[in-house]
Each structure stands twice: as C-alpha cells, then as structure tokens.
C-alpha cells in the first residue's frame, strides 16, 4: 500500500468522522472530558485538556454534515475504482 495524497485524505476523513460521532454525555463525560471540565479563570491559559475538548466540540459542530457528504463521495470513488 503506497502512501499517497488520496490515502492521506481518506485517513483524515476517518479521523474527522470518528471525532464527529463522539457523544459528549455517553463517552466524553465518563472519561472526564465533558464540557464542564477544565474551566479556568479569567486570564489563565487553557490547558491541553481544555484545548482538546474545545477542538473536539468545534469539529463536531462544523464537520458533522460535511463529513457525511465527503464520506459518500469517497465511497462512490472507491466503488468506481474497484
């Protein structure tokens, strides 16, 4: 299996899909990554955990519908190629 731009795009799409389907109440709160965790005071730099939680929330907000469309396109391309 060669490392190509297509395989890189496909792997990144799989990662975005995996993050987009994470349910905050079912999974993230049980491992301590809920939205109420890691709230700092004014002027404090957010920690790594808070930054990753914000990144997960942003990906879920922005990419939920778009990743479905991209997945369908990738599936159609794979079906046509094989």
C-alpha atoms as a PDB file:
ATOM      1  CA  UNK A   1       0.000   0.000   0.000  1.00  0.00           C
ATOM      2  CA  UNK A   2       1.540   3.258  -1.116  1.00  0.00           C
ATOM      3  CA  UNK A   3       1.379   6.462   0.856  1.00  0.00           C
ATOM      4  CA  UNK A   4      -0.474   8.819  -1.470  1.00  0.00           C
ATOM      5  CA  UNK A   5      -2.424  12.030  -1.136  1.00  0.00           C
ATOM      6  CA  UNK A   6      -5.640  10.038  -1.547  1.00  0.00           C
ATOM      7  CA  UNK A   7      -4.774   7.730   1.354  1.00  0.00           C
ATOM      8  CA  UNK A   8      -3.880  10.755   3.488  1.00  0.00           C
ATOM      9  CA  UNK A   9      -7.249  12.377   2.704  1.00  0.00           C
ATOM     10  CA  UNK A  10      -9.063   9.132   3.406  1.00  0.00           C
ATOM     11  CA  UNK A  11      -7.297   8.700   6.770  1.00  0.00           C
ATOM     12  CA  UNK A  12      -8.041  12.286   7.784  1.00  0.00           C
ATOM     13  CA  UNK A  13     -11.695  11.812   6.829  1.00  0.00           C
ATOM     14  CA  UNK A  14     -11.879   8.713   9.019  1.00  0.00           C
ATOM     15  CA  UNK A  15     -10.400  10.641  11.953  1.00  0.00           C
ATOM     16  CA  UNK A  16     -12.814  13.546  11.483  1.00  0.00           C
ATOM     17  CA  UNK A  17     -15.730  11.098  11.309  1.00  0.00           C
ATOM     18  CA  UNK A  18     -14.557   9.394  14.495  1.00  0.00           C
ATOM     19  CA  UNK A  19     -14.363  12.713  16.341  1.00  0.00           C
ATOM     20  CA  UNK A  20     -17.678  13.940  14.925  1.00  0.00           C
ATOM     21  CA  UNK A  21     -19.632  10.982  16.279  1.00  0.00           C
ATOM     22  CA  UNK A  22     -18.300  11.220  19.833  1.00  0.00           C
ATOM     23  CA  UNK A  23     -21.262  11.777  22.107  1.00  0.00           C
ATOM     24  CA  UNK A  24     -20.431  14.083  24.987  1.00  0.00           C
ATOM     25  CA  UNK A  25     -22.794  12.604  27.561  1.00  0.00           C
ATOM     26  CA  UNK A  26     -22.248   8.955  26.669  1.00  0.00           C
ATOM     27  CA  UNK A  27     -18.497   8.885  26.189  1.00  0.00           C
ATOM     28  CA  UNK A  28     -16.652  12.096  26.909  1.00  0.00           C
ATOM     29  CA  UNK A  29     -18.049  12.737  30.397  1.00  0.00           C
ATOM     30  CA  UNK A  30     -17.224   9.194  31.510  1.00  0.00           C
ATOM     31  CA  UNK A  31     -13.566   9.737  30.713  1.00  0.00           C
ATOM     32  CA  UNK A  32     -13.541  13.233  32.233  1.00  0.00           C
ATOM     33  CA  UNK A  33     -13.652  15.259  29.021  1.00  0.00           C
ATOM     34  CA  UNK A  34     -17.099  16.833  29.375  1.00  0.00           C
ATOM     35  CA  UNK A  35     -17.866  20.468  28.640  1.00  0.00           C
ATOM     36  CA  UNK A  36     -17.883  21.410  32.324  1.00  0.00           C
ATOM     37  CA  UNK A  37     -14.375  20.060  32.875  1.00  0.00           C
ATOM     38  CA  UNK A  38     -11.280  22.243  32.803  1.00  0.00           C
ATOM     39  CA  UNK A  39     -12.910  25.661  33.120  1.00  0.00           C
ATOM     40  CA  UNK A  40     -10.220  28.121  34.125  1.00  0.00           C
ATOM     41  CA  UNK A  41     -10.376  31.632  35.468  1.00  0.00           C
ATOM     42  CA  UNK A  42     -10.087  34.890  33.585  1.00  0.00           C
ATOM     43  CA  UNK A  43      -6.640  35.477  32.155  1.00  0.00           C
ATOM     44  CA  UNK A  44      -5.440  31.910  32.634  1.00  0.00           C
ATOM     45  CA  UNK A  45      -4.119  29.972  29.701  1.00  0.00           C
ATOM     46  CA  UNK A  46      -6.289  26.925  28.951  1.00  0.00           C
ATOM     47  CA  UNK A  47      -4.575  23.604  29.466  1.00  0.00           C
ATOM     48  CA  UNK A  48      -4.071  20.872  26.900  1.00  0.00           C
ATOM     49  CA  UNK A  49      -7.198  19.056  28.045  1.00  0.00           C
ATOM     50  CA  UNK A  50      -9.370  22.176  27.666  1.00  0.00           C
ATOM     51  CA  UNK A  51      -7.895  22.888  24.236  1.00  0.00           C
ATOM     52  CA  UNK A  52      -8.556  19.327  23.045  1.00  0.00           C
ATOM     53  CA  UNK A  53     -12.101  19.478  24.420  1.00  0.00           C
ATOM     54  CA  UNK A  54     -12.696  22.721  22.501  1.00  0.00           C
ATOM     55  CA  UNK A  55     -11.197  21.162  19.355  1.00  0.00           C
ATOM     56  CA  UNK A  56     -13.497  18.125  19.642  1.00  0.00           C
ATOM     57  CA  UNK A  57     -16.521  20.363  20.183  1.00  0.00           C
ATOM     58  CA  UNK A  58     -15.567  22.535  17.194  1.00  0.00           C
ATOM     59  CA  UNK A  59     -15.088  19.538  14.907  1.00  0.00           C
ATOM     60  CA  UNK A  60     -18.435  18.127  15.994  1.00  0.00           C
ATOM     61  CA  UNK A  61     -20.139  21.463  15.302  1.00  0.00           C
ATOM     62  CA  UNK A  62     -18.558  22.290  11.964  1.00  0.00           C
ATOM     63  CA  UNK A  63     -17.911  18.956  10.288  1.00  0.00           C
ATOM     64  CA  UNK A  64     -20.881  16.782  11.204  1.00  0.00           C
ATOM     65  CA  UNK A  65     -22.849  17.345   7.996  1.00  0.00           C
ATOM     66  CA  UNK A  66     -19.875  17.981   5.746  1.00  0.00           C
ATOM     67  CA  UNK A  67     -18.092  14.792   6.741  1.00  0.00           C
ATOM     68  CA  UNK A  68     -21.156  12.799   5.702  1.00  0.00           C
ATOM     69  CA  UNK A  69     -21.038  14.326   2.230  1.00  0.00           C
ATOM     70  CA  UNK A  70     -17.283  13.744   1.952  1.00  0.00           C
ATOM     71  CA  UNK A  71     -17.725  10.134   3.100  1.00  0.00           C
ATOM     72  CA  UNK A  72     -20.348   9.496   0.431  1.00  0.00           C
ATOM     73  CA  UNK A  73     -18.040  10.964  -2.225  1.00  0.00           C
ATOM     74  CA  UNK A  74     -15.129   8.779  -1.060  1.00  0.00           C
ATOM     75  CA  UNK A  75     -17.347   5.664  -1.055  1.00  0.00           C
ATOM     76  CA  UNK A  76     -18.517   6.396  -4.607  1.00  0.00           C
ATOM     77  CA  UNK A  77     -14.901   6.899  -5.748  1.00  0.00           C
ATOM     78  CA  UNK A  78     -13.833   3.608  -4.156  1.00  0.00           C
ATOM     79  CA  UNK A  79     -16.754   1.774  -5.782  1.00  0.00           C
ATOM     80  CA  UNK A  80     -15.909   3.226  -9.192  1.00  0.00           C
ATOM     81  CA  UNK A  81     -12.189   2.452  -8.903  1.00  0.00           C
ATOM     82  CA  UNK A  82     -12.593  -1.159  -7.760  1.00  0.00           C
END
